[in-house]
Amino acid sequence: MQNHKELIVWQKAMDLVAEIYKLVKMLPKEETYALSDQMRRSVISIPSNIAEGFGRNSTREYVHFLRIARGSCFELDTQIIACVKIAYLSENETKLSSELLNEIIKMLSSMIKKLSSNL
């Protein structure tokens, strides 16, 4: 692969960005600078760290950035669950994002495991 844009996990992470930005628009205005802002930062961190790691000079650095991306996934998952728990969003509204997020977590975990075994 010559470009991070060819990575399926990066493509799915970009799809997740679009989904989360749609969800955030549904949150109350009082959350504009709190939960909404945090969710946007978490979700954009995922493909950004995948891309940054891909562009690094070593497998060790790549794995480091993939771990950061995975951490952002867990952070976002917590924020989505919070939105449902406080009744800002329904489980049905977050279903697609949650499924996509879980798929990305599995892909990142697999990549980390595979690349780490080569270190």
PDB file of N, CA and C in Angstrom:
ATOM      1  N   MET A   1       0.829  -1.185   0.000  1.00  0.00           N
ATOM      2  CA  MET A   1       0.000   0.000   0.000  1.00  0.00           C
ATOM      3  C   MET A   1       0.872   1.246   0.000  1.00  0.00           C
ATOM      4  N   GLN A   2       0.475   2.187  -0.785  1.00  0.00           N
ATOM      5  CA  GLN A   2       1.266   3.407  -0.897  1.00  0.00           C
ATOM      6  C   GLN A   2       0.628   4.587  -0.167  1.00  0.00           C
ATOM      7  N   ASN A   3      -0.632   4.446   0.219  1.00  0.00           N
ATOM      8  CA  ASN A   3      -1.346   5.586   0.778  1.00  0.00           C
ATOM      9  C   ASN A   3      -2.301   5.112   1.869  1.00  0.00           C
ATOM     10  N   HIS A   4      -2.395   5.874   2.941  1.00  0.00           N
ATOM     11  CA  HIS A   4      -3.298   5.506   4.043  1.00  0.00           C
ATOM     12  C   HIS A   4      -4.758   5.465   3.602  1.00  0.00           C
ATOM     13  N   LYS A   5      -5.083   6.190   2.541  1.00  0.00           N
ATOM     14  CA  LYS A   5      -6.461   6.239   2.051  1.00  0.00           C
ATOM     15  C   LYS A   5      -6.913   4.899   1.469  1.00  0.00           C
ATOM     16  N   GLU A   6      -5.959   4.021   1.191  1.00  0.00           N
ATOM     17  CA  GLU A   6      -6.279   2.690   0.678  1.00  0.00           C
ATOM     18  C   GLU A   6      -6.664   1.724   1.795  1.00  0.00           C
ATOM     19  N   LEU A   7      -6.375   2.087   3.036  1.00  0.00           N
ATOM     20  CA  LEU A   7      -6.701   1.226   4.177  1.00  0.00           C
ATOM     21  C   LEU A   7      -8.206   1.204   4.420  1.00  0.00           C
ATOM     22  N   ILE A   8      -8.786   0.029   4.464  1.00  0.00           N
ATOM     23  CA  ILE A   8     -10.223  -0.099   4.707  1.00  0.00           C
ATOM     24  C   ILE A   8     -10.580   0.475   6.072  1.00  0.00           C
ATOM     25  N   VAL A   9      -9.723   0.273   7.066  1.00  0.00           N
ATOM     26  CA  VAL A   9     -10.008   0.792   8.405  1.00  0.00           C
ATOM     27  C   VAL A   9     -10.053   2.324   8.397  1.00  0.00           C
ATOM     28  N   TRP A  10      -9.195   2.954   7.608  1.00  0.00           N
ATOM     29  CA  TRP A  10      -9.214   4.418   7.503  1.00  0.00           C
ATOM     30  C   TRP A  10     -10.508   4.870   6.821  1.00  0.00           C
ATOM     31  N   GLN A  11     -10.905   4.162   5.759  1.00  0.00           N
ATOM     32  CA  GLN A  11     -12.136   4.498   5.037  1.00  0.00           C
ATOM     33  C   GLN A  11     -13.352   4.376   5.951  1.00  0.00           C
ATOM     34  N   LYS A  12     -13.393   3.303   6.737  1.00  0.00           N
ATOM     35  CA  LYS A  12     -14.511   3.108   7.668  1.00  0.00           C
ATOM     36  C   LYS A  12     -14.493   4.181   8.761  1.00  0.00           C
ATOM     37  N   ALA A  13     -13.303   4.563   9.189  1.00  0.00           N
ATOM     38  CA  ALA A  13     -13.189   5.615  10.201  1.00  0.00           C
ATOM     39  C   ALA A  13     -13.709   6.940   9.644  1.00  0.00           C
ATOM     40  N   MET A  14     -13.475   7.195   8.381  1.00  0.00           N
ATOM     41  CA  MET A  14     -14.000   8.417   7.762  1.00  0.00           C
ATOM     42  C   MET A  14     -15.528   8.352   7.645  1.00  0.00           C
ATOM     43  N   ASP A  15     -16.062   7.166   7.381  1.00  0.00           N
ATOM     44  CA  ASP A  15     -17.524   6.994   7.377  1.00  0.00           C
ATOM     45  C   ASP A  15     -18.083   7.280   8.766  1.00  0.00           C
ATOM     46  N   LEU A  16     -17.353   6.829   9.782  1.00  0.00           N
ATOM     47  CA  LEU A  16     -17.780   7.068  11.165  1.00  0.00           C
ATOM     48  C   LEU A  16     -17.767   8.559  11.486  1.00  0.00           C
ATOM     49  N   VAL A  17     -16.791   9.281  10.976  1.00  0.00           N
ATOM     50  CA  VAL A  17     -16.742  10.740  11.174  1.00  0.00           C
ATOM     51  C   VAL A  17     -18.042  11.362  10.678  1.00  0.00           C
ATOM     52  N   ALA A  18     -18.445  10.989   9.471  1.00  0.00           N
ATOM     53  CA  ALA A  18     -19.682  11.541   8.888  1.00  0.00           C
ATOM     54  C   ALA A  18     -20.895  11.190   9.741  1.00  0.00           C
ATOM     55  N   GLU A  19     -20.966   9.952  10.223  1.00  0.00           N
ATOM     56  CA  GLU A  19     -22.101   9.520  11.045  1.00  0.00           C
ATOM     57  C   GLU A  19     -22.155  10.278  12.374  1.00  0.00           C
ATOM     58  N   ILE A  20     -21.016  10.427  13.012  1.00  0.00           N
ATOM     59  CA  ILE A  20     -20.986  11.118  14.311  1.00  0.00           C
ATOM     60  C   ILE A  20     -21.331  12.590  14.141  1.00  0.00           C
ATOM     61  N   TYR A  21     -20.869  13.213  13.082  1.00  0.00           N
ATOM     62  CA  TYR A  21     -21.214  14.612  12.849  1.00  0.00           C
ATOM     63  C   TYR A  21     -22.725  14.777  12.656  1.00  0.00           C
ATOM     64  N   LYS A  22     -23.374  13.785  12.038  1.00  0.00           N
ATOM     65  CA  LYS A  22     -24.838  13.815  11.910  1.00  0.00           C
ATOM     66  C   LYS A  22     -25.497  13.688  13.283  1.00  0.00           C
ATOM     67  N   LEU A  23     -24.995  12.771  14.103  1.00  0.00           N
ATOM     68  CA  LEU A  23     -25.564  12.571  15.444  1.00  0.00           C
ATOM     69  C   LEU A  23     -25.395  13.807  16.325  1.00  0.00           C
ATOM     70  N   VAL A  24     -24.232  14.407  16.247  1.00  0.00           N
ATOM     71  CA  VAL A  24     -23.931  15.570  17.083  1.00  0.00           C
ATOM     72  C   VAL A  24     -24.910  16.719  16.806  1.00  0.00           C
ATOM     73  N   LYS A  25     -25.342  16.829  15.565  1.00  0.00           N
ATOM     74  CA  LYS A  25     -26.313  17.873  15.218  1.00  0.00           C
ATOM     75  C   LYS A  25     -27.650  17.672  15.931  1.00  0.00           C
ATOM     76  N   MET A  26     -27.903  16.452  16.397  1.00  0.00           N
ATOM     77  CA  MET A  26     -29.158  16.140  17.075  1.00  0.00           C
ATOM     78  C   MET A  26     -29.101  16.443  18.572  1.00  0.00           C
ATOM     79  N   LEU A  27     -27.914  16.711  19.092  1.00  0.00           N
ATOM     80  CA  LEU A  27     -27.775  16.968  20.528  1.00  0.00           C
ATOM     81  C   LEU A  27     -28.278  18.363  20.872  1.00  0.00           C
ATOM     82  N   PRO A  28     -28.684  18.557  22.128  1.00  0.00           N
ATOM     83  CA  PRO A  28     -29.171  19.881  22.543  1.00  0.00           C
ATOM     84  C   PRO A  28     -28.092  20.955  22.401  1.00  0.00           C
ATOM     85  N   LYS A  29     -28.517  22.180  22.193  1.00  0.00           N
ATOM     86  CA  LYS A  29     -27.595  23.303  22.011  1.00  0.00           C
ATOM     87  C   LYS A  29     -26.666  23.497  23.204  1.00  0.00           C
ATOM     88  N   GLU A  30     -27.151  23.179  24.412  1.00  0.00           N
ATOM     89  CA  GLU A  30     -26.302  23.364  25.597  1.00  0.00           C
ATOM     90  C   GLU A  30     -25.097  22.420  25.598  1.00  0.00           C
ATOM     91  N   GLU A  31     -25.107  21.432  24.710  1.00  0.00           N
ATOM     92  CA  GLU A  31     -23.989  20.495  24.613  1.00  0.00           C
ATOM     93  C   GLU A  31     -22.993  20.876  23.516  1.00  0.00           C
ATOM     94  N   THR A  32     -23.211  22.009  22.875  1.00  0.00           N
ATOM     95  CA  THR A  32     -22.355  22.411  21.756  1.00  0.00           C
ATOM     96  C   THR A  32     -20.881  22.448  22.125  1.00  0.00           C
ATOM     97  N   TYR A  33     -20.561  22.950  23.300  1.00  0.00           N
ATOM     98  CA  TYR A  33     -19.152  23.084  23.679  1.00  0.00           C
ATOM     99  C   TYR A  33     -18.726  22.055  24.715  1.00  0.00           C
ATOM    100  N   ALA A  34     -19.543  21.051  24.913  1.00  0.00           N
ATOM    101  CA  ALA A  34     -19.203  20.010  25.881  1.00  0.00           C
ATOM    102  C   ALA A  34     -19.179  18.665  25.158  1.00  0.00           C
ATOM    103  N   LEU A  35     -20.222  17.892  25.313  1.00  0.00           N
ATOM    104  CA  LEU A  35     -20.271  16.542  24.749  1.00  0.00           C
ATOM    105  C   LEU A  35     -20.126  16.546  23.224  1.00  0.00           C
ATOM    106  N   SER A  36     -20.809  17.443  22.547  1.00  0.00           N
ATOM    107  CA  SER A  36     -20.722  17.510  21.079  1.00  0.00           C
ATOM    108  C   SER A  36     -19.290  17.736  20.616  1.00  0.00           C
ATOM    109  N   ASP A  37     -18.643  18.698  21.241  1.00  0.00           N
ATOM    110  CA  ASP A  37     -17.269  19.034  20.874  1.00  0.00           C
ATOM    111  C   ASP A  37     -16.336  17.853  21.154  1.00  0.00           C
ATOM    112  N   GLN A  38     -16.524  17.208  22.290  1.00  0.00           N
ATOM    113  CA  GLN A  38     -15.675  16.067  22.653  1.00  0.00           C
ATOM    114  C   GLN A  38     -15.878  14.901  21.687  1.00  0.00           C
ATOM    115  N   MET A  39     -17.108  14.662  21.280  1.00  0.00           N
ATOM    116  CA  MET A  39     -17.381  13.577  20.331  1.00  0.00           C
ATOM    117  C   MET A  39     -16.739  13.860  18.970  1.00  0.00           C
ATOM    118  N   ARG A  40     -16.805  15.103  18.537  1.00  0.00           N
ATOM    119  CA  ARG A  40     -16.169  15.456  17.263  1.00  0.00           C
ATOM    120  C   ARG A  40     -14.655  15.269  17.344  1.00  0.00           C
ATOM    121  N   ARG A  41     -14.060  15.667  18.459  1.00  0.00           N
ATOM    122  CA  ARG A  41     -12.612  15.498  18.613  1.00  0.00           C
ATOM    123  C   ARG A  41     -12.222  14.022  18.672  1.00  0.00           C
ATOM    124  N   SER A  42     -13.014  13.233  19.382  1.00  0.00           N
ATOM    125  CA  SER A  42     -12.721  11.793  19.488  1.00  0.00           C
ATOM    126  C   SER A  42     -12.794  11.125  18.131  1.00  0.00           C
ATOM    127  N   VAL A  43     -13.848  11.399  17.387  1.00  0.00           N
ATOM    128  CA  VAL A  43     -14.046  10.685  16.120  1.00  0.00           C
ATOM    129  C   VAL A  43     -13.015  11.102  15.070  1.00  0.00           C
ATOM    130  N   ILE A  44     -12.642  12.361  15.011  1.00  0.00           N
ATOM    131  CA  ILE A  44     -11.668  12.784  14.003  1.00  0.00           C
ATOM    132  C   ILE A  44     -10.270  12.282  14.357  1.00  0.00           C
ATOM    133  N   SER A  45     -10.052  12.006  15.629  1.00  0.00           N
ATOM    134  CA  SER A  45      -8.772  11.463  16.079  1.00  0.00           C
ATOM    135  C   SER A  45      -8.521  10.068  15.515  1.00  0.00           C
ATOM    136  N   ILE A  46      -9.568   9.333  15.251  1.00  0.00           N
ATOM    137  CA  ILE A  46      -9.414   7.944  14.796  1.00  0.00           C
ATOM    138  C   ILE A  46      -8.737   7.880  13.419  1.00  0.00           C
ATOM    139  N   PRO A  47      -9.338   8.442  12.363  1.00  0.00           N
ATOM    140  CA  PRO A  47      -8.656   8.363  11.061  1.00  0.00           C
ATOM    141  C   PRO A  47      -7.376   9.192  11.023  1.00  0.00           C
ATOM    142  N   SER A  48      -7.327  10.260  11.807  1.00  0.00           N
ATOM    143  CA  SER A  48      -6.122  11.097  11.828  1.00  0.00           C
ATOM    144  C   SER A  48      -4.921  10.330  12.353  1.00  0.00           C
ATOM    145  N   ASN A  49      -5.111   9.569  13.417  1.00  0.00           N
ATOM    146  CA  ASN A  49      -3.999   8.790  13.973  1.00  0.00           C
ATOM    147  C   ASN A  49      -3.635   7.595  13.101  1.00  0.00           C
ATOM    148  N   ILE A  50      -4.618   7.010  12.436  1.00  0.00           N
ATOM    149  CA  ILE A  50      -4.314   5.938  11.485  1.00  0.00           C
ATOM    150  C   ILE A  50      -3.420   6.506  10.377  1.00  0.00           C
ATOM    151  N   ALA A  51      -3.790   7.663   9.857  1.00  0.00           N
ATOM    152  CA  ALA A  51      -3.016   8.298   8.783  1.00  0.00           C
ATOM    153  C   ALA A  51      -1.623   8.701   9.263  1.00  0.00           C
ATOM    154  N   GLU A  52      -1.552   9.313  10.436  1.00  0.00           N
ATOM    155  CA  GLU A  52      -0.252   9.749  10.942  1.00  0.00           C
ATOM    156  C   GLU A  52       0.680   8.559  11.167  1.00  0.00           C
ATOM    157  N   GLY A  53       0.152   7.504  11.757  1.00  0.00           N
ATOM    158  CA  GLY A  53       0.961   6.307  11.979  1.00  0.00           C
ATOM    159  C   GLY A  53       1.454   5.690  10.678  1.00  0.00           C
ATOM    160  N   PHE A  54       0.586   5.674   9.673  1.00  0.00           N
ATOM    161  CA  PHE A  54       0.954   5.131   8.371  1.00  0.00           C
ATOM    162  C   PHE A  54       2.129   5.902   7.779  1.00  0.00           C
ATOM    163  N   GLY A  55       2.149   7.206   8.016  1.00  0.00           N
ATOM    164  CA  GLY A  55       3.186   8.059   7.460  1.00  0.00           C
ATOM    165  C   GLY A  55       4.486   8.066   8.243  1.00  0.00           C
ATOM    166  N   ARG A  56       4.533   7.377   9.358  1.00  0.00           N
ATOM    167  CA  ARG A  56       5.757   7.327  10.166  1.00  0.00           C
ATOM    168  C   ARG A  56       6.779   6.377   9.573  1.00  0.00           C
ATOM    169  N   ASN A  57       7.989   6.448  10.094  1.00  0.00           N
ATOM    170  CA  ASN A  57       9.101   5.690   9.514  1.00  0.00           C
ATOM    171  C   ASN A  57       9.290   4.289  10.070  1.00  0.00           C
ATOM    172  N   SER A  58       8.529   3.923  11.069  1.00  0.00           N
ATOM    173  CA  SER A  58       8.767   2.596  11.657  1.00  0.00           C
ATOM    174  C   SER A  58       7.456   1.919  12.041  1.00  0.00           C
ATOM    175  N   THR A  59       7.531   0.603  12.085  1.00  0.00           N
ATOM    176  CA  THR A  59       6.373  -0.187  12.504  1.00  0.00           C
ATOM    177  C   THR A  59       6.023   0.125  13.949  1.00  0.00           C
ATOM    178  N   ARG A  60       7.035   0.311  14.775  1.00  0.00           N
ATOM    179  CA  ARG A  60       6.803   0.620  16.192  1.00  0.00           C
ATOM    180  C   ARG A  60       5.981   1.915  16.348  1.00  0.00           C
ATOM    181  N   GLU A  61       6.336   2.932  15.581  1.00  0.00           N
ATOM    182  CA  GLU A  61       5.581   4.191  15.631  1.00  0.00           C
ATOM    183  C   GLU A  61       4.168   4.002  15.071  1.00  0.00           C
ATOM    184  N   TYR A  62       4.048   3.231  14.010  1.00  0.00           N
ATOM    185  CA  TYR A  62       2.744   2.957  13.413  1.00  0.00           C
ATOM    186  C   TYR A  62       1.823   2.301  14.443  1.00  0.00           C
ATOM    187  N   VAL A  63       2.320   1.296  15.133  1.00  0.00           N
ATOM    188  CA  VAL A  63       1.545   0.606  16.172  1.00  0.00           C
ATOM    189  C   VAL A  63       1.144   1.586  17.272  1.00  0.00           C
ATOM    190  N   HIS A  64       2.046   2.460  17.644  1.00  0.00           N
ATOM    191  CA  HIS A  64       1.752   3.465  18.678  1.00  0.00           C
ATOM    192  C   HIS A  64       0.534   4.309  18.271  1.00  0.00           C
ATOM    193  N   PHE A  65       0.516   4.786  17.032  1.00  0.00           N
ATOM    194  CA  PHE A  65      -0.595   5.621  16.572  1.00  0.00           C
ATOM    195  C   PHE A  65      -1.887   4.811  16.380  1.00  0.00           C
ATOM    196  N   LEU A  66      -1.754   3.551  16.010  1.00  0.00           N
ATOM    197  CA  LEU A  66      -2.945   2.699  15.926  1.00  0.00           C
ATOM    198  C   LEU A  66      -3.548   2.499  17.316  1.00  0.00           C
ATOM    199  N   ARG A  67      -2.705   2.394  18.331  1.00  0.00           N
ATOM    200  CA  ARG A  67      -3.202   2.270  19.707  1.00  0.00           C
ATOM    201  C   ARG A  67      -3.910   3.543  20.148  1.00  0.00           C
ATOM    202  N   ILE A  68      -3.383   4.685  19.757  1.00  0.00           N
ATOM    203  CA  ILE A  68      -4.058   5.949  20.079  1.00  0.00           C
ATOM    204  C   ILE A  68      -5.424   5.996  19.392  1.00  0.00           C
ATOM    205  N   ALA A  69      -5.472   5.584  18.124  1.00  0.00           N
ATOM    206  CA  ALA A  69      -6.747   5.551  17.389  1.00  0.00           C
ATOM    207  C   ALA A  69      -7.746   4.638  18.092  1.00  0.00           C
ATOM    208  N   ARG A  70      -7.264   3.470  18.527  1.00  0.00           N
ATOM    209  CA  ARG A  70      -8.155   2.535  19.240  1.00  0.00           C
ATOM    210  C   ARG A  70      -8.633   3.141  20.555  1.00  0.00           C
ATOM    211  N   GLY A  71      -7.764   3.829  21.253  1.00  0.00           N
ATOM    212  CA  GLY A  71      -8.166   4.507  22.488  1.00  0.00           C
ATOM    213  C   GLY A  71      -9.248   5.540  22.223  1.00  0.00           C
ATOM    214  N   SER A  72      -9.131   6.270  21.125  1.00  0.00           N
ATOM    215  CA  SER A  72     -10.161   7.242  20.747  1.00  0.00           C
ATOM    216  C   SER A  72     -11.482   6.553  20.441  1.00  0.00           C
ATOM    217  N   CYS A  73     -11.415   5.336  19.910  1.00  0.00           N
ATOM    218  CA  CYS A  73     -12.639   4.558  19.662  1.00  0.00           C
ATOM    219  C   CYS A  73     -13.368   4.268  20.973  1.00  0.00           C
ATOM    220  N   PHE A  74     -12.615   3.840  21.982  1.00  0.00           N
ATOM    221  CA  PHE A  74     -13.231   3.532  23.272  1.00  0.00           C
ATOM    222  C   PHE A  74     -13.784   4.797  23.937  1.00  0.00           C
ATOM    223  N   GLU A  75     -13.084   5.893  23.755  1.00  0.00           N
ATOM    224  CA  GLU A  75     -13.557   7.174  24.276  1.00  0.00           C
ATOM    225  C   GLU A  75     -14.885   7.545  23.611  1.00  0.00           C
ATOM    226  N   LEU A  76     -14.935   7.431  22.298  1.00  0.00           N
ATOM    227  CA  LEU A  76     -16.160   7.740  21.558  1.00  0.00           C
ATOM    228  C   LEU A  76     -17.298   6.798  21.937  1.00  0.00           C
ATOM    229  N   ASP A  77     -16.994   5.536  22.115  1.00  0.00           N
ATOM    230  CA  ASP A  77     -18.006   4.563  22.523  1.00  0.00           C
ATOM    231  C   ASP A  77     -18.650   4.991  23.846  1.00  0.00           C
ATOM    232  N   THR A  78     -17.833   5.421  24.775  1.00  0.00           N
ATOM    233  CA  THR A  78     -18.334   5.889  26.070  1.00  0.00           C
ATOM    234  C   THR A  78     -19.237   7.107  25.890  1.00  0.00           C
ATOM    235  N   GLN A  79     -18.857   8.008  25.021  1.00  0.00           N
ATOM    236  CA  GLN A  79     -19.658   9.216  24.785  1.00  0.00           C
ATOM    237  C   GLN A  79     -20.995   8.881  24.121  1.00  0.00           C
ATOM    238  N   ILE A  80     -20.993   7.925  23.211  1.00  0.00           N
ATOM    239  CA  ILE A  80     -22.251   7.493  22.583  1.00  0.00           C
ATOM    240  C   ILE A  80     -23.165   6.868  23.626  1.00  0.00           C
ATOM    241  N   ILE A  81     -22.612   6.007  24.462  1.00  0.00           N
ATOM    242  CA  ILE A  81     -23.402   5.378  25.525  1.00  0.00           C
ATOM    243  C   ILE A  81     -23.971   6.441  26.457  1.00  0.00           C
ATOM    244  N   ALA A  82     -23.177   7.438  26.783  1.00  0.00           N
ATOM    245  CA  ALA A  82     -23.651   8.531  27.649  1.00  0.00           C
ATOM    246  C   ALA A  82     -24.831   9.259  27.001  1.00  0.00           C
ATOM    247  N   CYS A  83     -24.753   9.497  25.704  1.00  0.00           N
ATOM    248  CA  CYS A  83     -25.851  10.169  24.993  1.00  0.00           C
ATOM    249  C   CYS A  83     -27.147   9.384  25.098  1.00  0.00           C
ATOM    250  N   VAL A  84     -27.041   8.069  25.031  1.00  0.00           N
ATOM    251  CA  VAL A  84     -28.230   7.221  25.152  1.00  0.00           C
ATOM    252  C   VAL A  84     -28.723   7.215  26.597  1.00  0.00           C
ATOM    253  N   LYS A  85     -27.800   7.077  27.544  1.00  0.00           N
ATOM    254  CA  LYS A  85     -28.178   7.012  28.972  1.00  0.00           C
ATOM    255  C   LYS A  85     -28.881   8.279  29.448  1.00  0.00           C
ATOM    256  N   ILE A  86     -28.455   9.430  28.932  1.00  0.00           N
ATOM    257  CA  ILE A  86     -29.088  10.684  29.368  1.00  0.00           C
ATOM    258  C   ILE A  86     -30.207  11.111  28.416  1.00  0.00           C
ATOM    259  N   ALA A  87     -30.559  10.183  27.509  1.00  0.00           N
ATOM    260  CA  ALA A  87     -31.703  10.335  26.604  1.00  0.00           C
ATOM    261  C   ALA A  87     -31.571  11.494  25.611  1.00  0.00           C
ATOM    262  N   TYR A  88     -30.336  11.802  25.225  1.00  0.00           N
ATOM    263  CA  TYR A  88     -30.130  12.766  24.140  1.00  0.00           C
ATOM    264  C   TYR A  88     -30.355  12.076  22.794  1.00  0.00           C
ATOM    265  N   LEU A  89     -29.990  10.791  22.736  1.00  0.00           N
ATOM    266  CA  LEU A  89     -30.146   9.997  21.520  1.00  0.00           C
ATOM    267  C   LEU A  89     -30.712   8.632  21.897  1.00  0.00           C
ATOM    268  N   SER A  90     -31.377   8.007  20.954  1.00  0.00           N
ATOM    269  CA  SER A  90     -31.898   6.660  21.203  1.00  0.00           C
ATOM    270  C   SER A  90     -30.893   5.617  20.724  1.00  0.00           C
ATOM    271  N   GLU A  91     -31.057   4.397  21.197  1.00  0.00           N
ATOM    272  CA  GLU A  91     -30.190   3.303  20.741  1.00  0.00           C
ATOM    273  C   GLU A  91     -30.337   3.105  19.240  1.00  0.00           C
ATOM    274  N   ASN A  92     -31.540   3.280  18.742  1.00  0.00           N
ATOM    275  CA  ASN A  92     -31.779   3.134  17.310  1.00  0.00           C
ATOM    276  C   ASN A  92     -31.001   4.190  16.508  1.00  0.00           C
ATOM    277  N   GLU A  93     -30.957   5.411  17.028  1.00  0.00           N
ATOM    278  CA  GLU A  93     -30.239   6.497  16.342  1.00  0.00           C
ATOM    279  C   GLU A  93     -28.720   6.267  16.338  1.00  0.00           C
ATOM    280  N   THR A  94     -28.226   5.583  17.346  1.00  0.00           N
ATOM    281  CA  THR A  94     -26.784   5.365  17.461  1.00  0.00           C
ATOM    282  C   THR A  94     -26.334   3.993  16.950  1.00  0.00           C
ATOM    283  N   LYS A  95     -27.287   3.184  16.505  1.00  0.00           N
ATOM    284  CA  LYS A  95     -26.983   1.799  16.107  1.00  0.00           C
ATOM    285  C   LYS A  95     -25.919   1.720  15.016  1.00  0.00           C
ATOM    286  N   LEU A  96     -26.067   2.455  13.943  1.00  0.00           N
ATOM    287  CA  LEU A  96     -25.119   2.412  12.831  1.00  0.00           C
ATOM    288  C   LEU A  96     -23.718   2.838  13.283  1.00  0.00           C
ATOM    289  N   SER A  97     -23.653   3.913  14.030  1.00  0.00           N
ATOM    290  CA  SER A  97     -22.358   4.397  14.521  1.00  0.00           C
ATOM    291  C   SER A  97     -21.706   3.386  15.445  1.00  0.00           C
ATOM    292  N   SER A  98     -22.479   2.809  16.329  1.00  0.00           N
ATOM    293  CA  SER A  98     -21.940   1.821  17.267  1.00  0.00           C
ATOM    294  C   SER A  98     -21.428   0.581  16.546  1.00  0.00           C
ATOM    295  N   GLU A  99     -22.171   0.122  15.551  1.00  0.00           N
ATOM    296  CA  GLU A  99     -21.745  -1.051  14.783  1.00  0.00           C
ATOM    297  C   GLU A  99     -20.458  -0.759  14.015  1.00  0.00           C
ATOM    298  N   LEU A 100     -20.402   0.402  13.391  1.00  0.00           N
ATOM    299  CA  LEU A 100     -19.214   0.803  12.653  1.00  0.00           C
ATOM    300  C   LEU A 100     -18.016   0.953  13.589  1.00  0.00           C
ATOM    301  N   LEU A 101     -18.255   1.536  14.739  1.00  0.00           N
ATOM    302  CA  LEU A 101     -17.206   1.718  15.741  1.00  0.00           C
ATOM    303  C   LEU A 101     -16.655   0.370  16.210  1.00  0.00           C
ATOM    304  N   ASN A 102     -17.532  -0.576  16.491  1.00  0.00           N
ATOM    305  CA  ASN A 102     -17.089  -1.909  16.917  1.00  0.00           C
ATOM    306  C   ASN A 102     -16.280  -2.611  15.830  1.00  0.00           C
ATOM    307  N   GLU A 103     -16.670  -2.427  14.598  1.00  0.00           N
ATOM    308  CA  GLU A 103     -15.931  -3.006  13.480  1.00  0.00           C
ATOM    309  C   GLU A 103     -14.530  -2.395  13.381  1.00  0.00           C
ATOM    310  N   ILE A 104     -14.442  -1.085  13.560  1.00  0.00           N
ATOM    311  CA  ILE A 104     -13.148  -0.396  13.512  1.00  0.00           C
ATOM    312  C   ILE A 104     -12.256  -0.855  14.660  1.00  0.00           C
ATOM    313  N   ILE A 105     -12.820  -0.999  15.851  1.00  0.00           N
ATOM    314  CA  ILE A 105     -12.043  -1.479  17.004  1.00  0.00           C
ATOM    315  C   ILE A 105     -11.451  -2.851  16.708  1.00  0.00           C
ATOM    316  N   LYS A 106     -12.261  -3.755  16.143  1.00  0.00           N
ATOM    317  CA  LYS A 106     -11.767  -5.091  15.808  1.00  0.00           C
ATOM    318  C   LYS A 106     -10.658  -5.030  14.762  1.00  0.00           C
ATOM    319  N   MET A 107     -10.827  -4.181  13.762  1.00  0.00           N
ATOM    320  CA  MET A 107      -9.813  -4.053  12.717  1.00  0.00           C
ATOM    321  C   MET A 107      -8.507  -3.491  13.283  1.00  0.00           C
ATOM    322  N   LEU A 108      -8.618  -2.462  14.115  1.00  0.00           N
ATOM    323  CA  LEU A 108      -7.422  -1.875  14.716  1.00  0.00           C
ATOM    324  C   LEU A 108      -6.723  -2.882  15.622  1.00  0.00           C
ATOM    325  N   SER A 109      -7.494  -3.592  16.418  1.00  0.00           N
ATOM    326  CA  SER A 109      -6.911  -4.594  17.316  1.00  0.00           C
ATOM    327  C   SER A 109      -6.155  -5.664  16.528  1.00  0.00           C
ATOM    328  N   SER A 110      -6.737  -6.101  15.420  1.00  0.00           N
ATOM    329  CA  SER A 110      -6.099  -7.094  14.565  1.00  0.00           C
ATOM    330  C   SER A 110      -4.809  -6.546  13.958  1.00  0.00           C
ATOM    331  N   MET A 111      -4.854  -5.319  13.484  1.00  0.00           N
ATOM    332  CA  MET A 111      -3.655  -4.692  12.908  1.00  0.00           C
ATOM    333  C   MET A 111      -2.552  -4.565  13.954  1.00  0.00           C
ATOM    334  N   ILE A 112      -2.924  -4.117  15.133  1.00  0.00           N
ATOM    335  CA  ILE A 112      -1.953  -3.940  16.219  1.00  0.00           C
ATOM    336  C   ILE A 112      -1.300  -5.277  16.564  1.00  0.00           C
ATOM    337  N   LYS A 113      -2.118  -6.305  16.679  1.00  0.00           N
ATOM    338  CA  LYS A 113      -1.592  -7.631  17.023  1.00  0.00           C
ATOM    339  C   LYS A 113      -0.639  -8.135  15.945  1.00  0.00           C
ATOM    340  N   LYS A 114      -1.058  -8.007  14.699  1.00  0.00           N
ATOM    341  CA  LYS A 114      -0.231  -8.489  13.589  1.00  0.00           C
ATOM    342  C   LYS A 114       1.078  -7.707  13.496  1.00  0.00           C
ATOM    343  N   LEU A 115       0.997  -6.396  13.541  1.00  0.00           N
ATOM    344  CA  LEU A 115       2.209  -5.576  13.412  1.00  0.00           C
ATOM    345  C   LEU A 115       3.122  -5.722  14.619  1.00  0.00           C
ATOM    346  N   SER A 116       2.550  -5.897  15.800  1.00  0.00           N
ATOM    347  CA  SER A 116       3.347  -6.055  17.023  1.00  0.00           C
ATOM    348  C   SER A 116       4.137  -7.355  17.020  1.00  0.00           C
ATOM    349  N   SER A 117       3.599  -8.364  16.373  1.00  0.00           N
ATOM    350  CA  SER A 117       4.302  -9.654  16.332  1.00  0.00           C
ATOM    351  C   SER A 117       5.558  -9.567  15.460  1.00  0.00           C
ATOM    352  N   ASN A 118       5.638  -8.531  14.636  1.00  0.00           N
ATOM    353  CA  ASN A 118       6.807  -8.340  13.782  1.00  0.00           C
ATOM    354  C   ASN A 118       7.875  -7.460  14.413  1.00  0.00           C
ATOM    355  N   LEU A 119       7.624  -6.970  15.626  1.00  0.00           N
ATOM    356  CA  LEU A 119       8.592  -6.074  16.276  1.00  0.00           C
ATOM    357  C   LEU A 119       9.686  -6.847  16.980  1.00  0.00           C
TER     358      LEU A 119
END
